Protein backbone atom coordinates (compact mmCIF):
# COMPACT_ATOMS: atom_id res chain seq x y z
CA MET A 1 3.25 -112.32 -31.05
CA THR A 2 1.80 -111.15 -27.73
CA THR A 3 2.18 -107.50 -26.85
CA SER A 4 0.97 -105.32 -24.01
CA PRO A 5 -1.91 -102.83 -24.22
CA LYS A 6 0.70 -100.09 -24.62
CA SER A 7 1.77 -101.52 -27.99
CA THR A 8 -0.45 -99.13 -29.94
CA ALA A 9 2.02 -97.13 -32.04
CA SER A 10 0.87 -96.99 -35.66
CA ALA A 11 3.11 -97.33 -38.70
CA THR A 12 2.92 -93.56 -39.09
CA ASP A 13 4.03 -93.05 -35.48
CA LEU A 14 6.93 -95.47 -35.94
CA ALA A 15 8.04 -93.69 -39.12
CA SER A 16 8.46 -90.50 -37.09
CA VAL A 17 10.98 -92.30 -34.87
CA VAL A 18 12.68 -94.87 -37.10
CA ASP A 19 14.30 -94.36 -40.50
CA LEU A 20 12.23 -97.06 -42.20
CA ALA A 21 13.72 -96.34 -45.62
CA ARG A 22 17.15 -97.35 -44.34
CA HIS A 23 15.83 -99.98 -41.93
CA PRO A 24 12.68 -101.61 -43.40
CA LEU A 25 11.79 -103.52 -40.25
CA ASP A 26 8.86 -105.39 -41.79
CA GLU A 27 10.70 -106.78 -44.82
CA PRO A 28 11.60 -110.50 -44.51
CA ALA A 29 14.89 -110.11 -46.40
CA PHE A 30 16.00 -107.30 -44.09
CA ARG A 31 15.09 -109.33 -41.02
CA THR A 32 17.03 -112.32 -42.37
CA HIS A 33 20.07 -110.13 -42.99
CA CYS A 34 19.95 -108.75 -39.44
CA ARG A 35 19.44 -112.17 -37.87
CA ARG A 36 22.39 -113.65 -39.75
CA ALA A 37 24.63 -110.74 -38.75
CA LEU A 38 23.67 -111.13 -35.08
CA ASP A 39 24.19 -114.89 -35.17
CA ALA A 40 27.56 -114.52 -36.89
CA ASP A 41 29.00 -111.75 -34.71
CA GLY A 42 27.02 -111.88 -31.47
CA VAL A 43 26.25 -108.19 -31.99
CA LEU A 44 24.22 -106.17 -34.46
CA VAL A 45 24.68 -102.42 -34.89
CA MET A 46 21.90 -100.64 -36.80
CA PRO A 47 23.39 -97.24 -37.70
CA SER A 48 21.05 -94.23 -37.48
CA LEU A 49 17.99 -96.35 -36.73
CA LEU A 50 16.43 -93.28 -35.11
CA THR A 51 15.52 -90.28 -37.20
CA PRO A 52 17.51 -87.10 -36.45
CA ALA A 53 14.35 -85.51 -35.05
CA ALA A 54 13.82 -88.45 -32.67
CA VAL A 55 17.43 -88.25 -31.48
CA ARG A 56 17.06 -84.54 -30.77
CA SER A 57 13.76 -85.06 -28.98
CA ILE A 58 15.11 -87.83 -26.74
CA ARG A 59 18.32 -85.93 -26.03
CA ASP A 60 16.34 -82.82 -25.07
CA GLU A 61 14.12 -84.93 -22.83
CA GLY A 62 17.21 -86.44 -21.24
CA ASP A 63 18.63 -82.98 -20.56
CA ARG A 64 15.38 -81.77 -19.00
CA ARG A 65 14.97 -84.80 -16.77
CA GLN A 66 18.57 -85.46 -15.77
CA SER A 67 17.96 -83.89 -12.36
CA LEU A 68 15.59 -86.81 -11.63
CA ALA A 69 18.30 -89.41 -12.19
CA HIS A 70 19.32 -91.81 -9.46
CA TYR A 71 23.13 -92.11 -9.37
CA THR A 72 24.95 -95.18 -8.15
CA THR A 73 28.57 -96.20 -7.77
CA GLY A 74 29.21 -99.74 -6.67
CA THR A 75 31.41 -102.77 -6.93
CA HIS A 76 30.54 -106.17 -8.32
CA ASN A 77 32.30 -109.14 -9.82
CA VAL A 78 32.25 -110.09 -13.48
CA TYR A 79 29.56 -112.70 -12.83
CA LEU A 80 27.20 -110.24 -11.05
CA ALA A 81 26.90 -112.80 -8.27
CA PRO A 82 27.76 -112.99 -4.56
CA THR A 83 31.43 -113.57 -3.85
CA ASP A 84 32.61 -117.13 -3.23
CA PRO A 85 34.25 -117.31 0.21
CA ALA A 86 36.06 -120.49 -0.81
CA LEU A 87 38.14 -118.51 -3.32
CA PRO A 88 40.62 -115.67 -2.69
CA GLU A 89 39.66 -112.04 -3.28
CA GLU A 90 41.97 -111.74 -6.29
CA HIS A 91 40.39 -114.77 -8.02
CA PRO A 92 38.46 -113.80 -11.20
CA ARG A 93 35.29 -115.04 -9.51
CA ASN A 94 35.64 -112.50 -6.70
CA ARG A 95 37.62 -109.63 -8.14
CA ALA A 96 35.92 -106.28 -7.45
CA ILE A 97 34.83 -104.28 -10.51
CA VAL A 98 33.53 -100.70 -10.34
CA SER A 99 30.47 -99.41 -12.21
CA SER A 100 28.85 -95.99 -11.93
CA LYS A 101 25.97 -94.26 -13.70
CA GLY A 102 22.80 -92.23 -13.37
CA CYS A 103 19.41 -93.48 -14.51
CA ILE A 104 15.86 -92.32 -15.06
CA THR A 105 13.16 -94.97 -15.21
CA THR A 106 10.07 -95.83 -17.21
CA ASP A 107 7.73 -93.79 -15.03
CA GLN A 108 9.95 -90.73 -15.57
CA ILE A 109 9.77 -90.97 -19.37
CA ALA A 110 7.23 -88.57 -20.88
CA GLU A 111 3.99 -90.12 -22.15
CA ASP A 112 4.56 -88.56 -25.58
CA SER A 113 8.24 -89.53 -25.72
CA ALA A 114 9.65 -91.07 -28.89
CA LEU A 115 11.01 -93.80 -26.62
CA ARG A 116 7.48 -94.90 -25.70
CA THR A 117 6.49 -94.86 -29.37
CA LEU A 118 9.38 -97.15 -30.25
CA TYR A 119 9.12 -99.43 -27.22
CA GLY A 120 5.36 -99.88 -27.62
CA SER A 121 5.38 -100.49 -31.36
CA GLY A 122 4.13 -103.91 -32.35
CA ALA A 123 6.08 -103.68 -35.61
CA PHE A 124 9.29 -103.03 -33.68
CA ARG A 125 8.67 -105.99 -31.37
CA ASP A 126 7.86 -108.22 -34.32
CA PHE A 127 11.20 -107.25 -35.84
CA LEU A 128 13.03 -107.96 -32.58
CA CYS A 129 11.34 -111.35 -32.20
CA SER A 130 12.35 -112.32 -35.72
CA VAL A 131 15.98 -111.27 -35.31
CA LEU A 132 16.41 -112.62 -31.77
CA GLY A 133 14.57 -115.86 -32.48
CA GLU A 134 12.02 -115.27 -29.72
CA ALA A 135 8.33 -116.25 -29.91
CA SER A 136 7.18 -113.11 -28.10
CA LEU A 137 8.45 -110.16 -26.09
CA HIS A 138 6.68 -108.51 -23.17
CA GLU A 139 7.29 -105.41 -21.12
CA TYR A 140 8.20 -105.44 -17.44
CA THR A 141 5.15 -105.17 -15.22
CA ASP A 142 6.88 -102.97 -12.64
CA PRO A 143 6.83 -99.23 -13.35
CA LEU A 144 10.60 -98.74 -13.50
CA SER A 145 12.39 -101.32 -15.61
CA ALA A 146 11.10 -101.31 -19.20
CA ILE A 147 12.75 -98.10 -20.48
CA ASN A 148 15.84 -96.72 -18.75
CA LEU A 149 17.84 -93.67 -19.84
CA HIS A 150 21.39 -93.90 -18.51
CA TYR A 151 23.80 -91.02 -17.94
CA ALA A 152 27.57 -91.43 -17.71
CA ALA A 153 29.43 -88.22 -16.89
CA THR A 154 33.21 -87.78 -16.79
CA GLY A 155 34.87 -90.78 -15.16
CA GLN A 156 31.75 -92.92 -14.97
CA GLU A 157 31.93 -96.38 -16.49
CA LEU A 158 30.38 -99.82 -16.77
CA GLY A 159 32.86 -102.39 -15.54
CA TRP A 160 33.60 -105.79 -17.04
CA HIS A 161 30.75 -108.27 -16.64
CA TYR A 162 28.57 -110.96 -18.19
CA ASP A 163 24.86 -110.32 -18.62
CA ASP A 164 22.25 -112.45 -16.90
CA SER A 165 19.89 -112.16 -19.88
CA SER A 166 20.48 -113.65 -23.31
CA PHE A 167 20.22 -110.33 -25.16
CA ALA A 168 20.42 -106.57 -24.57
CA ILE A 169 18.86 -103.77 -26.64
CA THR A 170 20.41 -100.30 -26.41
CA LEU A 171 20.14 -96.96 -28.19
CA MET A 172 22.91 -94.37 -28.21
CA ILE A 173 21.43 -90.90 -27.73
CA GLN A 174 24.49 -88.74 -27.02
CA ARG A 175 28.10 -89.75 -27.54
CA PRO A 176 30.66 -88.03 -25.30
CA ARG A 177 33.79 -86.30 -26.56
CA GLY A 178 36.00 -89.18 -25.53
CA GLY A 179 36.09 -92.52 -23.78
CA ALA A 180 32.88 -94.52 -23.23
CA VAL A 181 34.06 -97.21 -25.67
CA PHE A 182 32.10 -100.46 -25.75
CA GLU A 183 34.62 -103.31 -25.52
CA TYR A 184 33.87 -107.02 -25.58
CA VAL A 185 35.33 -110.48 -25.94
CA ARG A 186 32.94 -112.94 -27.51
CA ASP A 187 32.03 -116.40 -26.21
CA VAL A 188 34.31 -116.49 -23.20
CA ARG A 189 32.17 -118.74 -21.02
CA ASP A 190 29.29 -121.19 -21.53
CA ALA A 191 26.71 -120.31 -18.90
CA ASP A 192 24.29 -123.05 -19.93
CA ALA A 193 26.98 -125.69 -19.49
CA GLY A 194 28.14 -124.21 -16.18
CA ASP A 195 31.57 -123.31 -17.59
CA LYS A 196 32.66 -120.08 -15.87
CA ALA A 197 35.95 -119.81 -17.80
CA TYR A 198 37.87 -118.47 -14.81
CA GLU A 199 41.30 -118.60 -16.46
CA ARG A 200 40.32 -116.71 -19.60
CA THR A 201 38.18 -114.25 -17.61
CA GLY A 202 41.25 -113.47 -15.51
CA ARG A 203 43.37 -112.85 -18.58
CA ILE A 204 40.81 -110.37 -19.91
CA LEU A 205 40.69 -108.56 -16.56
CA ASP A 206 44.48 -108.36 -16.64
CA GLY A 207 44.48 -106.89 -20.14
CA GLU A 208 46.17 -109.95 -21.62
CA GLU A 209 43.61 -110.72 -24.33
CA PRO A 210 42.64 -108.62 -27.37
CA VAL A 211 39.22 -107.00 -27.21
CA ARG A 212 36.79 -105.91 -29.88
CA ARG A 213 35.44 -102.37 -29.91
CA LEU A 214 32.20 -101.02 -31.31
CA ALA A 215 31.90 -97.63 -32.96
CA ILE A 216 28.46 -96.39 -31.90
CA ASP A 217 27.01 -92.99 -32.72
CA ALA A 218 23.87 -91.10 -31.75
CA GLY A 219 20.77 -92.79 -33.15
CA ASP A 220 22.36 -96.24 -33.46
CA LEU A 221 20.62 -99.31 -32.04
CA VAL A 222 22.69 -102.23 -30.76
CA LEU A 223 21.52 -105.80 -30.18
CA PHE A 224 24.10 -107.68 -28.13
CA ARG A 225 24.28 -111.21 -26.80
CA GLY A 226 26.23 -110.67 -23.58
CA ARG A 227 25.45 -113.71 -21.47
CA ASP A 228 28.62 -115.51 -22.52
CA SER A 229 30.53 -112.54 -23.94
CA MET A 230 32.44 -110.42 -21.43
CA HIS A 231 32.01 -106.69 -21.98
CA ARG A 232 32.39 -103.22 -20.52
CA VAL A 233 32.12 -99.50 -21.33
CA THR A 234 35.27 -97.53 -20.58
CA PRO A 235 35.11 -94.30 -18.51
CA THR A 236 33.58 -91.23 -20.13
CA GLU A 237 36.09 -88.48 -20.97
CA GLY A 238 35.29 -84.81 -21.41
CA GLU A 239 32.40 -82.61 -20.37
CA VAL A 240 29.70 -84.16 -22.57
CA THR A 241 27.61 -86.74 -20.73
CA ARG A 242 26.99 -90.03 -22.48
CA MET A 243 23.27 -90.82 -22.83
CA LEU A 244 22.23 -94.38 -23.58
CA VAL A 245 18.78 -95.97 -23.52
CA VAL A 246 18.18 -99.57 -22.48
CA LEU A 247 14.98 -101.14 -23.81
CA ALA A 248 14.17 -104.17 -21.65
CA TYR A 249 11.74 -106.91 -22.62
CA ASN A 250 10.91 -110.34 -21.20
CA THR A 251 10.21 -113.52 -23.10
CA GLU A 252 7.41 -114.33 -20.63
CA PRO A 253 4.50 -112.09 -19.57
CA GLY A 254 3.94 -110.77 -16.06
CA ILE A 255 7.60 -110.37 -15.05
CA ALA A 256 8.81 -107.62 -12.72
CA LEU A 257 12.34 -106.83 -11.67
CA SER A 258 12.84 -108.01 -8.11
CA ALA A 259 12.38 -105.54 -5.26
CA SER A 260 16.03 -105.90 -4.23
CA ALA A 261 17.24 -105.24 -7.77
CA ARG A 262 15.00 -102.17 -8.07
CA MET A 263 16.37 -100.77 -4.82
CA THR A 264 19.94 -101.43 -5.99
CA PHE A 265 19.53 -99.93 -9.47
CA TYR A 266 16.96 -97.20 -8.87
CA GLY A 267 16.91 -96.49 -5.13
CA ARG A 268 13.14 -97.06 -4.93
CA LEU A 269 10.46 -99.64 -5.67
CA GLY A 270 8.11 -97.51 -7.73
């Protein structure tokens, strides 16, 4: 597996962040169990992956640095693509969805943060490669996109969408008092085959299909295959802000998020 020069966290460092007794990341049997669960369900929840001390440390860091967050509220369609002028506005392809959040970026994460220890750990990446079926994982080369800490205050949400990437890796740091429920419908479309599943997508948007919900608590890691599975996070309720970390890797080296995407998500290039 190829890793970046930042992948220097030792086993001792990783043990200060991850509960390795509960989640023995280097054991083949454990990796096989996780891979089979992800393949069967399209999602893998690893409860309390982070140690309580790591959760507290990251939450405290998030509180201290929240004033640095870039907040956005915008509309998009489920496919995260430009609208199709050949179709009406109310068509599932064009229907406007609202998402809103705050975000701090990789360069705003402290050098001694538990997040950097986890993200840069070769053992952690080896585990991810094994479970995800990837030959290697590499960090983004731009200074913003590898580690993002998201904030969702009262009323903020992530609207229905499909992911562009084949997998997403998230860590819950602080669960709000209410709302902020991760909902999904598995295998709605087939992006590789070009099947956009407009009819079923429309039924989900109209609330006419049952959805699955994940119970996620502070310290839990989630691996989710969202390219073909439609998903959202409902609005946060109450005065406690939801904090969620996104750990972003690439399957090829030397990749940066595009300048336009960085401006849209972060309001700056670096």
